């Protein structure tokens, strides 16, 4: 879809400050989503400009949360692009480090960087932290690390003192930092330390696309294929309760037949012929970029989407119904009850 995803390991990302120039194309953004994010950004900048009574408590963090695959991060980035913002990005993969305290310091450094760039470049900036519950969430049997405690304390302190943020140097009272809004995304904010998400520090926004949102987003995906909004409304209603990434995966899978044809020139009854040399030569062609094909747009129909959608739904149901791990681990559970040994057990 033309979207360059965030990378969990910060050492692999060659940049921290994003302008979203990589997002090319005409994407649908829910008016409700734009309104909520734009309102939050505006309130924080107005707070910095002294437009409110000093006793007014404007949350520094906006927590955008909701189900998996609903496009929370991408939608947020689209809003940033529309507002002409430049953003410092961090992911939950950077909230753990072998040196205790390093992630907390990184948060303070990036917050200060966003604040400084706002002053230098004359543009609105923000600090975006993706998948906060993956890094700070408290799940069953999870252990709290020093890094997690330091990060929580750091973020709470920034919320309470957004204009004074130290990065290890001697504390200087007149070291003024511009108030910079923080946006975090996650699936379940209830797993995060409660004092951090209280109303004075974090404004919460539960995002779940409506039918109208899904129709608008999917129409942008498929409009060049000649499918109408009515077609998309029919598709969305045929697969209720599916997340946004289902429709993205649905479109991507429609190229499978062409890709298989390139891998193996002869396809008989859907099975690859092993004796064909093209299959053995596939690795060399991909690595050396030898004779890489350009796939033609698929002449789509609703029936094709239904066929592929039914296949994806069946795979989902198999995962939910089979639960092979239960069968694999039942011997372990029985052994714990009986006090026996697993040595020599079949399987």
C-alpha atoms as a PDB file:
ATOM      1  CA  UNK A   1       0.000   0.000   0.000  1.00  0.00           C
ATOM      2  CA  UNK A   2       3.009   2.288  -0.267  1.00  0.00           C
ATOM      3  CA  UNK A   3       3.493   2.452   3.485  1.00  0.00           C
ATOM      4  CA  UNK A   4       6.971   2.073   4.972  1.00  0.00           C
ATOM      5  CA  UNK A   5       6.431   0.403   8.319  1.00  0.00           C
ATOM      6  CA  UNK A   6       8.227   1.280  11.522  1.00  0.00           C
ATOM      7  CA  UNK A   7      11.128  -1.007  12.525  1.00  0.00           C
ATOM      8  CA  UNK A   8      11.166  -2.422  16.035  1.00  0.00           C
ATOM      9  CA  UNK A   9      14.901  -2.269  16.522  1.00  0.00           C
ATOM     10  CA  UNK A  10      15.965   1.376  16.537  1.00  0.00           C
ATOM     11  CA  UNK A  11      19.529   0.508  15.511  1.00  0.00           C
ATOM     12  CA  UNK A  12      18.170  -0.662  12.159  1.00  0.00           C
ATOM     13  CA  UNK A  13      16.287   2.547  11.445  1.00  0.00           C
ATOM     14  CA  UNK A  14      18.477   5.089   9.700  1.00  0.00           C
ATOM     15  CA  UNK A  15      16.346   8.009  10.728  1.00  0.00           C
ATOM     16  CA  UNK A  16      14.356   9.170  13.728  1.00  0.00           C
ATOM     17  CA  UNK A  17      12.652  12.271  12.397  1.00  0.00           C
ATOM     18  CA  UNK A  18       9.938  11.484   9.859  1.00  0.00           C
ATOM     19  CA  UNK A  19       8.386  13.782   7.262  1.00  0.00           C
ATOM     20  CA  UNK A  20       6.135  11.028   5.774  1.00  0.00           C
ATOM     21  CA  UNK A  21       7.298  11.744   2.238  1.00  0.00           C
ATOM     22  CA  UNK A  22       7.254   7.978   1.684  1.00  0.00           C
ATOM     23  CA  UNK A  23       3.454   7.963   1.948  1.00  0.00           C
ATOM     24  CA  UNK A  24       2.408   8.513  -1.644  1.00  0.00           C
ATOM     25  CA  UNK A  25      -1.132   8.218  -2.929  1.00  0.00           C
ATOM     26  CA  UNK A  26      -4.674   9.231  -2.165  1.00  0.00           C
ATOM     27  CA  UNK A  27      -5.704   7.561   1.083  1.00  0.00           C
ATOM     28  CA  UNK A  28      -8.982   7.778   2.938  1.00  0.00           C
ATOM     29  CA  UNK A  29      -8.756   9.166   6.462  1.00  0.00           C
ATOM     30  CA  UNK A  30     -11.764   8.972   8.750  1.00  0.00           C
ATOM     31  CA  UNK A  31     -13.089  12.476   9.573  1.00  0.00           C
ATOM     32  CA  UNK A  32     -13.598  11.288  13.137  1.00  0.00           C
ATOM     33  CA  UNK A  33      -9.931  10.270  13.366  1.00  0.00           C
ATOM     34  CA  UNK A  34      -8.679  13.562  11.895  1.00  0.00           C
ATOM     35  CA  UNK A  35     -10.876  15.546  14.257  1.00  0.00           C
ATOM     36  CA  UNK A  36      -9.669  13.786  17.384  1.00  0.00           C
ATOM     37  CA  UNK A  37      -5.944  13.929  16.574  1.00  0.00           C
ATOM     38  CA  UNK A  38      -6.060  17.512  15.237  1.00  0.00           C
ATOM     39  CA  UNK A  39      -7.978  18.648  18.341  1.00  0.00           C
ATOM     40  CA  UNK A  40      -5.428  17.065  20.658  1.00  0.00           C
ATOM     41  CA  UNK A  41      -2.453  18.586  18.793  1.00  0.00           C
ATOM     42  CA  UNK A  42      -4.081  22.032  18.716  1.00  0.00           C
ATOM     43  CA  UNK A  43      -4.945  22.027  22.420  1.00  0.00           C
ATOM     44  CA  UNK A  44      -1.359  21.233  23.377  1.00  0.00           C
ATOM     45  CA  UNK A  45       0.075  23.990  21.197  1.00  0.00           C
ATOM     46  CA  UNK A  46      -2.496  26.459  22.537  1.00  0.00           C
ATOM     47  CA  UNK A  47      -1.473  25.419  26.047  1.00  0.00           C
ATOM     48  CA  UNK A  48       2.150  26.198  25.166  1.00  0.00           C
ATOM     49  CA  UNK A  49       1.065  29.615  23.873  1.00  0.00           C
ATOM     50  CA  UNK A  50      -0.641  30.401  27.187  1.00  0.00           C
ATOM     51  CA  UNK A  51      -4.188  30.472  25.792  1.00  0.00           C
ATOM     52  CA  UNK A  52      -5.608  28.645  28.812  1.00  0.00           C
ATOM     53  CA  UNK A  53      -5.760  29.383  32.487  1.00  0.00           C
ATOM     54  CA  UNK A  54      -2.627  27.982  34.199  1.00  0.00           C
ATOM     55  CA  UNK A  55      -4.838  25.719  36.286  1.00  0.00           C
ATOM     56  CA  UNK A  56      -6.211  24.048  33.149  1.00  0.00           C
ATOM     57  CA  UNK A  57      -4.988  20.461  32.866  1.00  0.00           C
ATOM     58  CA  UNK A  58      -4.441  19.493  29.231  1.00  0.00           C
ATOM     59  CA  UNK A  59      -3.211  15.874  28.844  1.00  0.00           C
ATOM     60  CA  UNK A  60       0.178  15.665  27.141  1.00  0.00           C
ATOM     61  CA  UNK A  61      -0.409  12.143  25.801  1.00  0.00           C
ATOM     62  CA  UNK A  62      -3.078  10.885  23.413  1.00  0.00           C
ATOM     63  CA  UNK A  63      -3.517   7.108  23.622  1.00  0.00           C
ATOM     64  CA  UNK A  64      -5.016   5.681  20.407  1.00  0.00           C
ATOM     65  CA  UNK A  65      -6.038   2.113  21.087  1.00  0.00           C
ATOM     66  CA  UNK A  66      -8.226  -0.590  19.594  1.00  0.00           C
ATOM     67  CA  UNK A  67      -8.262  -3.973  17.913  1.00  0.00           C
ATOM     68  CA  UNK A  68      -5.392  -5.444  15.943  1.00  0.00           C
ATOM     69  CA  UNK A  69      -4.976  -4.511  12.314  1.00  0.00           C
ATOM     70  CA  UNK A  70      -7.301  -1.493  12.366  1.00  0.00           C
ATOM     71  CA  UNK A  71      -4.730   0.922  10.925  1.00  0.00           C
ATOM     72  CA  UNK A  72      -4.125   3.009  14.039  1.00  0.00           C
ATOM     73  CA  UNK A  73      -0.487   3.876  13.311  1.00  0.00           C
ATOM     74  CA  UNK A  74      -0.930   4.384   9.570  1.00  0.00           C
ATOM     75  CA  UNK A  75      -4.020   6.538  10.079  1.00  0.00           C
ATOM     76  CA  UNK A  76      -2.100   8.625  12.610  1.00  0.00           C
ATOM     77  CA  UNK A  77       0.729   9.133  10.133  1.00  0.00           C
ATOM     78  CA  UNK A  78      -1.750  10.176   7.440  1.00  0.00           C
ATOM     79  CA  UNK A  79      -3.107  12.841   9.788  1.00  0.00           C
ATOM     80  CA  UNK A  80       0.431  14.032  10.530  1.00  0.00           C
ATOM     81  CA  UNK A  81       1.043  14.341   6.786  1.00  0.00           C
ATOM     82  CA  UNK A  82      -2.172  16.312   6.274  1.00  0.00           C
ATOM     83  CA  UNK A  83      -1.195  18.672   9.103  1.00  0.00           C
ATOM     84  CA  UNK A  84       2.311  19.132   7.676  1.00  0.00           C
ATOM     85  CA  UNK A  85       3.933  17.792  10.846  1.00  0.00           C
ATOM     86  CA  UNK A  86       7.363  16.231  11.352  1.00  0.00           C
ATOM     87  CA  UNK A  87       7.505  13.539  14.011  1.00  0.00           C
ATOM     88  CA  UNK A  88      10.054  11.707  16.121  1.00  0.00           C
ATOM     89  CA  UNK A  89       9.123   8.011  16.081  1.00  0.00           C
ATOM     90  CA  UNK A  90       9.881   5.284  18.624  1.00  0.00           C
ATOM     91  CA  UNK A  91       8.564   1.723  18.863  1.00  0.00           C
ATOM     92  CA  UNK A  92       8.020  -0.622  21.785  1.00  0.00           C
ATOM     93  CA  UNK A  93      10.998  -2.707  20.670  1.00  0.00           C
ATOM     94  CA  UNK A  94      13.228   0.094  21.959  1.00  0.00           C
ATOM     95  CA  UNK A  95      11.746   0.067  25.467  1.00  0.00           C
ATOM     96  CA  UNK A  96      14.082  -2.713  26.607  1.00  0.00           C
ATOM     97  CA  UNK A  97      17.873  -2.544  26.693  1.00  0.00           C
ATOM     98  CA  UNK A  98      20.775  -4.404  28.252  1.00  0.00           C
ATOM     99  CA  UNK A  99      21.777  -1.226  30.108  1.00  0.00           C
ATOM    100  CA  UNK A 100      19.152  -0.266  32.677  1.00  0.00           C
ATOM    101  CA  UNK A 101      17.798   3.234  32.203  1.00  0.00           C
ATOM    102  CA  UNK A 102      18.750   3.563  28.522  1.00  0.00           C
ATOM    103  CA  UNK A 103      15.156   3.470  27.141  1.00  0.00           C
ATOM    104  CA  UNK A 104      14.090   6.135  29.625  1.00  0.00           C
ATOM    105  CA  UNK A 105      16.956   8.344  28.510  1.00  0.00           C
ATOM    106  CA  UNK A 106      16.062   7.720  24.846  1.00  0.00           C
ATOM    107  CA  UNK A 107      12.499   8.911  25.493  1.00  0.00           C
ATOM    108  CA  UNK A 108      13.744  12.109  27.124  1.00  0.00           C
ATOM    109  CA  UNK A 109      16.241  12.713  24.313  1.00  0.00           C
ATOM    110  CA  UNK A 110      13.667  12.222  21.571  1.00  0.00           C
ATOM    111  CA  UNK A 111      11.092  14.354  23.338  1.00  0.00           C
ATOM    112  CA  UNK A 112      13.662  17.148  23.602  1.00  0.00           C
ATOM    113  CA  UNK A 113      14.626  16.625  19.963  1.00  0.00           C
ATOM    114  CA  UNK A 114      11.000  17.005  18.833  1.00  0.00           C
ATOM    115  CA  UNK A 115      10.660  20.160  20.939  1.00  0.00           C
ATOM    116  CA  UNK A 116      13.901  21.632  19.590  1.00  0.00           C
ATOM    117  CA  UNK A 117      13.039  20.859  15.964  1.00  0.00           C
ATOM    118  CA  UNK A 118       9.707  22.636  16.379  1.00  0.00           C
ATOM    119  CA  UNK A 119      11.586  25.784  17.373  1.00  0.00           C
ATOM    120  CA  UNK A 120      14.298  25.449  14.720  1.00  0.00           C
ATOM    121  CA  UNK A 121      12.187  24.406  11.734  1.00  0.00           C
ATOM    122  CA  UNK A 122       9.062  26.373  12.554  1.00  0.00           C
ATOM    123  CA  UNK A 123       6.768  23.360  12.118  1.00  0.00           C
ATOM    124  CA  UNK A 124       4.493  21.456  14.420  1.00  0.00           C
ATOM    125  CA  UNK A 125       6.167  18.340  15.779  1.00  0.00           C
ATOM    126  CA  UNK A 126       5.148  15.438  17.972  1.00  0.00           C
ATOM    127  CA  UNK A 127       6.607  12.339  19.593  1.00  0.00           C
ATOM    128  CA  UNK A 128       5.011   9.071  18.401  1.00  0.00           C
ATOM    129  CA  UNK A 129       5.450   5.863  20.426  1.00  0.00           C
ATOM    130  CA  UNK A 130       3.989   2.781  18.732  1.00  0.00           C
ATOM    131  CA  UNK A 131       2.558  -0.298  20.478  1.00  0.00           C
ATOM    132  CA  UNK A 132       3.033   0.989  24.007  1.00  0.00           C
ATOM    133  CA  UNK A 133       1.236  -1.959  25.601  1.00  0.00           C
ATOM    134  CA  UNK A 134       3.718  -4.400  24.021  1.00  0.00           C
ATOM    135  CA  UNK A 135       6.555  -2.689  25.873  1.00  0.00           C
ATOM    136  CA  UNK A 136       4.860  -1.449  29.049  1.00  0.00           C
ATOM    137  CA  UNK A 137       1.840  -3.745  29.343  1.00  0.00           C
ATOM    138  CA  UNK A 138       1.404  -6.009  32.342  1.00  0.00           C
ATOM    139  CA  UNK A 139       0.334  -9.445  31.114  1.00  0.00           C
ATOM    140  CA  UNK A 140      -0.071 -12.787  32.869  1.00  0.00           C
ATOM    141  CA  UNK A 141       3.257 -14.166  34.136  1.00  0.00           C
ATOM    142  CA  UNK A 142       5.151 -11.130  32.808  1.00  0.00           C
ATOM    143  CA  UNK A 143       7.971  -9.719  34.910  1.00  0.00           C
ATOM    144  CA  UNK A 144       8.550  -6.032  35.487  1.00  0.00           C
ATOM    145  CA  UNK A 145      12.044  -4.913  34.533  1.00  0.00           C
ATOM    146  CA  UNK A 146      13.975  -1.899  35.725  1.00  0.00           C
ATOM    147  CA  UNK A 147      13.699  -0.432  32.228  1.00  0.00           C
ATOM    148  CA  UNK A 148       9.916  -0.667  32.261  1.00  0.00           C
ATOM    149  CA  UNK A 149       9.726   1.040  35.655  1.00  0.00           C
ATOM    150  CA  UNK A 150      12.098   3.803  34.521  1.00  0.00           C
ATOM    151  CA  UNK A 151      10.162   4.361  31.281  1.00  0.00           C
ATOM    152  CA  UNK A 152       6.850   4.628  33.137  1.00  0.00           C
ATOM    153  CA  UNK A 153       8.345   7.039  35.650  1.00  0.00           C
ATOM    154  CA  UNK A 154       9.960   9.065  32.844  1.00  0.00           C
ATOM    155  CA  UNK A 155       6.716   9.441  30.912  1.00  0.00           C
ATOM    156  CA  UNK A 156       4.766  10.383  34.034  1.00  0.00           C
ATOM    157  CA  UNK A 157       7.397  13.010  34.879  1.00  0.00           C
ATOM    158  CA  UNK A 158       7.288  14.474  31.345  1.00  0.00           C
ATOM    159  CA  UNK A 159       3.499  14.727  31.579  1.00  0.00           C
ATOM    160  CA  UNK A 160       3.759  16.595  34.877  1.00  0.00           C
ATOM    161  CA  UNK A 161       6.685  18.810  33.758  1.00  0.00           C
ATOM    162  CA  UNK A 162       6.576  19.021  29.949  1.00  0.00           C
ATOM    163  CA  UNK A 163       8.769  22.157  29.880  1.00  0.00           C
ATOM    164  CA  UNK A 164      11.607  20.737  31.993  1.00  0.00           C
ATOM    165  CA  UNK A 165      13.076  17.471  30.728  1.00  0.00           C
ATOM    166  CA  UNK A 166      16.596  16.432  31.710  1.00  0.00           C
ATOM    167  CA  UNK A 167      18.759  14.024  29.731  1.00  0.00           C
ATOM    168  CA  UNK A 168      21.421  13.468  32.367  1.00  0.00           C
ATOM    169  CA  UNK A 169      23.068  16.861  32.550  1.00  0.00           C
ATOM    170  CA  UNK A 170      22.934  18.961  35.709  1.00  0.00           C
ATOM    171  CA  UNK A 171      19.439  20.214  36.348  1.00  0.00           C
ATOM    172  CA  UNK A 172      19.104  23.812  35.149  1.00  0.00           C
ATOM    173  CA  UNK A 173      15.947  25.654  36.185  1.00  0.00           C
ATOM    174  CA  UNK A 174      15.959  27.961  33.147  1.00  0.00           C
ATOM    175  CA  UNK A 175      16.518  25.077  30.702  1.00  0.00           C
ATOM    176  CA  UNK A 176      13.144  25.562  29.040  1.00  0.00           C
ATOM    177  CA  UNK A 177      11.765  22.910  26.666  1.00  0.00           C
ATOM    178  CA  UNK A 178       8.773  23.540  24.426  1.00  0.00           C
ATOM    179  CA  UNK A 179       5.687  21.525  25.292  1.00  0.00           C
ATOM    180  CA  UNK A 180       5.418  18.833  22.621  1.00  0.00           C
ATOM    181  CA  UNK A 181       2.401  16.500  22.244  1.00  0.00           C
ATOM    182  CA  UNK A 182       2.986  12.751  22.622  1.00  0.00           C
ATOM    183  CA  UNK A 183       0.858  10.179  20.811  1.00  0.00           C
ATOM    184  CA  UNK A 184       0.982   6.493  21.691  1.00  0.00           C
ATOM    185  CA  UNK A 185      -0.744   3.580  19.975  1.00  0.00           C
ATOM    186  CA  UNK A 186      -1.669   0.205  21.429  1.00  0.00           C
ATOM    187  CA  UNK A 187      -4.195  -2.610  21.475  1.00  0.00           C
ATOM    188  CA  UNK A 188      -5.136  -2.627  25.168  1.00  0.00           C
ATOM    189  CA  UNK A 189      -4.335   0.349  27.387  1.00  0.00           C
ATOM    190  CA  UNK A 190      -5.784  -1.436  30.421  1.00  0.00           C
ATOM    191  CA  UNK A 191      -2.514  -3.387  30.661  1.00  0.00           C
ATOM    192  CA  UNK A 192      -0.504  -0.184  31.150  1.00  0.00           C
ATOM    193  CA  UNK A 193       0.295   1.239  34.611  1.00  0.00           C
ATOM    194  CA  UNK A 194      -2.930   2.982  35.686  1.00  0.00           C
ATOM    195  CA  UNK A 195      -1.410   6.290  36.958  1.00  0.00           C
ATOM    196  CA  UNK A 196       0.202   6.845  33.560  1.00  0.00           C
ATOM    197  CA  UNK A 197      -3.101   6.590  31.680  1.00  0.00           C
ATOM    198  CA  UNK A 198      -5.199   8.647  34.110  1.00  0.00           C
ATOM    199  CA  UNK A 199      -7.168  11.481  32.551  1.00  0.00           C
ATOM    200  CA  UNK A 200      -4.838  14.269  33.644  1.00  0.00           C
ATOM    201  CA  UNK A 201      -1.929  12.706  31.778  1.00  0.00           C
ATOM    202  CA  UNK A 202      -3.462  10.793  28.887  1.00  0.00           C
ATOM    203  CA  UNK A 203      -6.457  11.449  26.681  1.00  0.00           C
ATOM    204  CA  UNK A 204      -7.832   8.142  25.368  1.00  0.00           C
ATOM    205  CA  UNK A 205      -9.296   7.532  21.905  1.00  0.00           C
ATOM    206  CA  UNK A 206     -10.747   4.107  21.107  1.00  0.00           C
ATOM    207  CA  UNK A 207     -10.508   3.548  17.353  1.00  0.00           C
ATOM    208  CA  UNK A 208     -12.717   1.073  15.599  1.00  0.00           C
ATOM    209  CA  UNK A 209     -13.639   1.810  11.976  1.00  0.00           C
ATOM    210  CA  UNK A 210     -17.358   2.108  11.278  1.00  0.00           C
ATOM    211  CA  UNK A 211     -18.970   0.530   8.222  1.00  0.00           C
ATOM    212  CA  UNK A 212     -18.693   3.917   6.508  1.00  0.00           C
ATOM    213  CA  UNK A 213     -14.975   4.119   7.361  1.00  0.00           C
ATOM    214  CA  UNK A 214     -14.294   0.617   6.043  1.00  0.00           C
ATOM    215  CA  UNK A 215     -16.209   1.322   2.830  1.00  0.00           C
ATOM    216  CA  UNK A 216     -14.283   4.560   2.302  1.00  0.00           C
ATOM    217  CA  UNK A 217     -10.893   2.946   2.979  1.00  0.00           C
ATOM    218  CA  UNK A 218     -11.503  -0.144   0.836  1.00  0.00           C
ATOM    219  CA  UNK A 219     -12.902   1.974  -1.994  1.00  0.00           C
ATOM    220  CA  UNK A 220      -9.592   3.844  -2.096  1.00  0.00           C
ATOM    221  CA  UNK A 221      -7.844   0.460  -2.359  1.00  0.00           C
ATOM    222  CA  UNK A 222      -9.989  -0.859  -5.200  1.00  0.00           C
ATOM    223  CA  UNK A 223     -11.286   2.180  -7.083  1.00  0.00           C
ATOM    224  CA  UNK A 224      -8.622   1.865  -9.809  1.00  0.00           C
ATOM    225  CA  UNK A 225      -9.905  -1.676 -10.420  1.00  0.00           C
ATOM    226  CA  UNK A 226     -13.311  -0.324 -11.408  1.00  0.00           C
ATOM    227  CA  UNK A 227     -15.125  -1.380  -8.237  1.00  0.00           C
ATOM    228  CA  UNK A 228     -17.655   1.075  -6.831  1.00  0.00           C
ATOM    229  CA  UNK A 229     -18.515   2.132  -3.296  1.00  0.00           C
ATOM    230  CA  UNK A 230     -21.610  -0.077  -3.499  1.00  0.00           C
ATOM    231  CA  UNK A 231     -19.368  -3.031  -4.361  1.00  0.00           C
ATOM    232  CA  UNK A 232     -17.192  -2.275  -1.319  1.00  0.00           C
ATOM    233  CA  UNK A 233     -20.243  -1.932   0.916  1.00  0.00           C
ATOM    234  CA  UNK A 234     -21.349  -5.389  -0.245  1.00  0.00           C
ATOM    235  CA  UNK A 235     -17.865  -6.801   0.417  1.00  0.00           C
ATOM    236  CA  UNK A 236     -17.634  -5.291   3.900  1.00  0.00           C
ATOM    237  CA  UNK A 237     -21.059  -6.595   4.892  1.00  0.00           C
ATOM    238  CA  UNK A 238     -20.222 -10.076   3.604  1.00  0.00           C
ATOM    239  CA  UNK A 239     -17.270 -10.272   6.021  1.00  0.00           C
ATOM    240  CA  UNK A 240     -18.439  -8.630   9.251  1.00  0.00           C
ATOM    241  CA  UNK A 241     -16.092  -8.161  12.215  1.00  0.00           C
ATOM    242  CA  UNK A 242     -12.994  -8.309  10.001  1.00  0.00           C
ATOM    243  CA  UNK A 243     -10.189  -5.859  10.688  1.00  0.00           C
ATOM    244  CA  UNK A 244      -8.808  -3.469   8.119  1.00  0.00           C
ATOM    245  CA  UNK A 245      -5.730  -5.589   7.417  1.00  0.00           C
ATOM    246  CA  UNK A 246      -8.035  -8.385   6.185  1.00  0.00           C
ATOM    247  CA  UNK A 247      -8.954  -6.303   3.140  1.00  0.00           C
ATOM    248  CA  UNK A 248      -5.318  -5.390   2.525  1.00  0.00           C
ATOM    249  CA  UNK A 249      -4.327  -9.077   2.663  1.00  0.00           C
ATOM    250  CA  UNK A 250      -7.276  -9.893   0.424  1.00  0.00           C
ATOM    251  CA  UNK A 251      -6.014  -7.579  -2.301  1.00  0.00           C
ATOM    252  CA  UNK A 252      -2.396  -8.735  -2.032  1.00  0.00           C
ATOM    253  CA  UNK A 253      -3.361 -12.409  -2.354  1.00  0.00           C
ATOM    254  CA  UNK A 254      -5.024 -11.788  -5.723  1.00  0.00           C
ATOM    255  CA  UNK A 255      -1.574 -11.668  -7.330  1.00  0.00           C
ATOM    256  CA  UNK A 256      -0.722 -15.177  -6.114  1.00  0.00           C
ATOM    257  CA  UNK A 257      -1.652 -16.879  -9.386  1.00  0.00           C
ATOM    258  CA  UNK A 258       0.615 -14.601 -11.429  1.00  0.00           C
ATOM    259  CA  UNK A 259       3.475 -15.083  -8.942  1.00  0.00           C
ATOM    260  CA  UNK A 260       3.092 -18.868  -9.089  1.00  0.00           C
ATOM    261  CA  UNK A 261       3.145 -18.680 -12.868  1.00  0.00           C
ATOM    262  CA  UNK A 262       6.457 -16.815 -12.692  1.00  0.00           C
ATOM    263  CA  UNK A 263       7.953 -19.249 -10.166  1.00  0.00           C
ATOM    264  CA  UNK A 264       7.030 -22.246 -12.243  1.00  0.00           C
ATOM    265  CA  UNK A 265       6.017 -21.905 -15.869  1.00  0.00           C
ATOM    266  CA  UNK A 266       3.965 -25.127 -15.823  1.00  0.00           C
ATOM    267  CA  UNK A 267       1.237 -25.419 -13.209  1.00  0.00           C
ATOM    268  CA  UNK A 268      -0.861 -28.548 -13.369  1.00  0.00           C
ATOM    269  CA  UNK A 269      -3.908 -28.775 -11.112  1.00  0.00           C
ATOM    270  CA  UNK A 270      -2.348 -26.220  -8.797  1.00  0.00           C
ATOM    271  CA  UNK A 271       0.763 -28.375  -8.114  1.00  0.00           C
ATOM    272  CA  UNK A 272       4.258 -27.243  -9.049  1.00  0.00           C
ATOM    273  CA  UNK A 273       6.203 -29.595 -11.303  1.00  0.00           C
ATOM    274  CA  UNK A 274       9.412 -30.323  -9.416  1.00  0.00           C
ATOM    275  CA  UNK A 275      11.298 -31.356 -12.547  1.00  0.00           C
ATOM    276  CA  UNK A 276      11.052 -27.859 -13.997  1.00  0.00           C
ATOM    277  CA  UNK A 277      14.389 -26.068 -13.679  1.00  0.00           C
ATOM    278  CA  UNK A 278      12.679 -22.698 -13.129  1.00  0.00           C
ATOM    279  CA  UNK A 279      11.841 -23.699  -9.555  1.00  0.00           C
ATOM    280  CA  UNK A 280      15.472 -24.563  -8.745  1.00  0.00           C
ATOM    281  CA  UNK A 281      16.624 -21.332 -10.367  1.00  0.00           C
ATOM    282  CA  UNK A 282      14.166 -19.128  -8.480  1.00  0.00           C
ATOM    283  CA  UNK A 283      16.588 -18.142  -5.711  1.00  0.00           C
ATOM    284  CA  UNK A 284      19.245 -16.946  -8.125  1.00  0.00           C
ATOM    285  CA  UNK A 285      16.730 -14.916 -10.108  1.00  0.00           C
ATOM    286  CA  UNK A 286      15.414 -13.185  -6.986  1.00  0.00           C
ATOM    287  CA  UNK A 287      18.804 -12.438  -5.429  1.00  0.00           C
ATOM    288  CA  UNK A 288      20.470 -11.352  -8.676  1.00  0.00           C
ATOM    289  CA  UNK A 289      17.350  -9.503  -9.878  1.00  0.00           C
ATOM    290  CA  UNK A 290      17.502 -11.457 -13.103  1.00  0.00           C
ATOM    291  CA  UNK A 291      14.455 -11.128 -15.345  1.00  0.00           C
ATOM    292  CA  UNK A 292      12.188  -9.848 -12.563  1.00  0.00           C
ATOM    293  CA  UNK A 293       8.623  -9.624 -13.891  1.00  0.00           C
ATOM    294  CA  UNK A 294       6.171  -6.737 -13.789  1.00  0.00           C
ATOM    295  CA  UNK A 295       2.798  -8.099 -12.769  1.00  0.00           C
ATOM    296  CA  UNK A 296      -0.245  -6.855 -14.605  1.00  0.00           C
ATOM    297  CA  UNK A 297      -3.179  -5.417 -12.656  1.00  0.00           C
ATOM    298  CA  UNK A 298      -5.757  -8.072 -11.932  1.00  0.00           C
ATOM    299  CA  UNK A 299      -9.126  -7.677 -13.670  1.00  0.00           C
ATOM    300  CA  UNK A 300     -11.093  -7.869 -10.438  1.00  0.00           C
ATOM    301  CA  UNK A 301     -14.650  -8.922  -9.839  1.00  0.00           C
ATOM    302  CA  UNK A 302     -16.573  -9.272  -6.605  1.00  0.00           C
ATOM    303  CA  UNK A 303     -16.711 -13.034  -7.154  1.00  0.00           C
ATOM    304  CA  UNK A 304     -12.898 -13.200  -7.148  1.00  0.00           C
ATOM    305  CA  UNK A 305     -12.790 -11.240  -3.895  1.00  0.00           C
ATOM    306  CA  UNK A 306     -15.428 -13.523  -2.359  1.00  0.00           C
ATOM    307  CA  UNK A 307     -13.457 -16.638  -3.302  1.00  0.00           C
ATOM    308  CA  UNK A 308     -10.245 -15.307  -1.785  1.00  0.00           C
ATOM    309  CA  UNK A 309     -12.050 -13.871   1.228  1.00  0.00           C
ATOM    310  CA  UNK A 310     -13.668 -17.224   1.992  1.00  0.00           C
ATOM    311  CA  UNK A 311     -10.222 -18.848   1.920  1.00  0.00           C
ATOM    312  CA  UNK A 312      -8.795 -16.321   4.386  1.00  0.00           C
ATOM    313  CA  UNK A 313     -11.776 -16.769   6.698  1.00  0.00           C
ATOM    314  CA  UNK A 314     -11.349 -20.561   6.637  1.00  0.00           C
ATOM    315  CA  UNK A 315      -7.697 -20.157   7.655  1.00  0.00           C
ATOM    316  CA  UNK A 316      -8.745 -17.898  10.541  1.00  0.00           C
ATOM    317  CA  UNK A 317     -11.302 -20.428  11.695  1.00  0.00           C
ATOM    318  CA  UNK A 318      -8.772 -23.262  11.555  1.00  0.00           C
ATOM    319  CA  UNK A 319      -6.403 -21.343  13.835  1.00  0.00           C
ATOM    320  CA  UNK A 320      -9.195 -20.664  16.338  1.00  0.00           C
ATOM    321  CA  UNK A 321     -10.728 -24.127  16.247  1.00  0.00           C
ATOM    322  CA  UNK A 322      -7.792 -26.515  16.025  1.00  0.00           C
ATOM    323  CA  UNK A 323      -5.759 -25.159  18.975  1.00  0.00           C
ATOM    324  CA  UNK A 324      -3.039 -27.762  18.456  1.00  0.00           C
ATOM    325  CA  UNK A 325      -1.038 -26.339  21.353  1.00  0.00           C
ATOM    326  CA  UNK A 326      -3.738 -27.601  23.743  1.00  0.00           C
ATOM    327  CA  UNK A 327      -3.300 -31.109  22.385  1.00  0.00           C
ATOM    328  CA  UNK A 328       0.502 -30.848  22.516  1.00  0.00           C
ATOM    329  CA  UNK A 329       0.552 -29.628  26.116  1.00  0.00           C
ATOM    330  CA  UNK A 330      -2.125 -31.856  27.644  1.00  0.00           C
ATOM    331  CA  UNK A 331       0.489 -34.538  28.391  1.00  0.00           C
ATOM    332  CA  UNK A 332       2.519 -31.947  30.247  1.00  0.00           C
ATOM    333  CA  UNK A 333      -0.512 -30.944  32.313  1.00  0.00           C
ATOM    334  CA  UNK A 334      -1.326 -34.569  33.116  1.00  0.00           C
ATOM    335  CA  UNK A 335       2.287 -35.213  34.072  1.00  0.00           C
ATOM    336  CA  UNK A 336       2.301 -32.298  36.511  1.00  0.00           C
ATOM    337  CA  UNK A 337      -0.786 -33.698  38.199  1.00  0.00           C
ATOM    338  CA  UNK A 338       0.613 -37.198  38.438  1.00  0.00           C
ATOM    339  CA  UNK A 339       4.209 -36.284  39.178  1.00  0.00           C
ATOM    340  CA  UNK A 340       5.515 -38.582  36.416  1.00  0.00           C
ATOM    341  CA  UNK A 341       8.231 -38.077  33.859  1.00  0.00           C
ATOM    342  CA  UNK A 342       7.998 -36.969  30.223  1.00  0.00           C
ATOM    343  CA  UNK A 343      10.983 -39.136  29.221  1.00  0.00           C
ATOM    344  CA  UNK A 344      10.049 -41.734  26.629  1.00  0.00           C
ATOM    345  CA  UNK A 345       6.675 -40.154  25.907  1.00  0.00           C
ATOM    346  CA  UNK A 346       5.588 -40.428  22.283  1.00  0.00           C
ATOM    347  CA  UNK A 347       5.095 -37.291  20.153  1.00  0.00           C
END
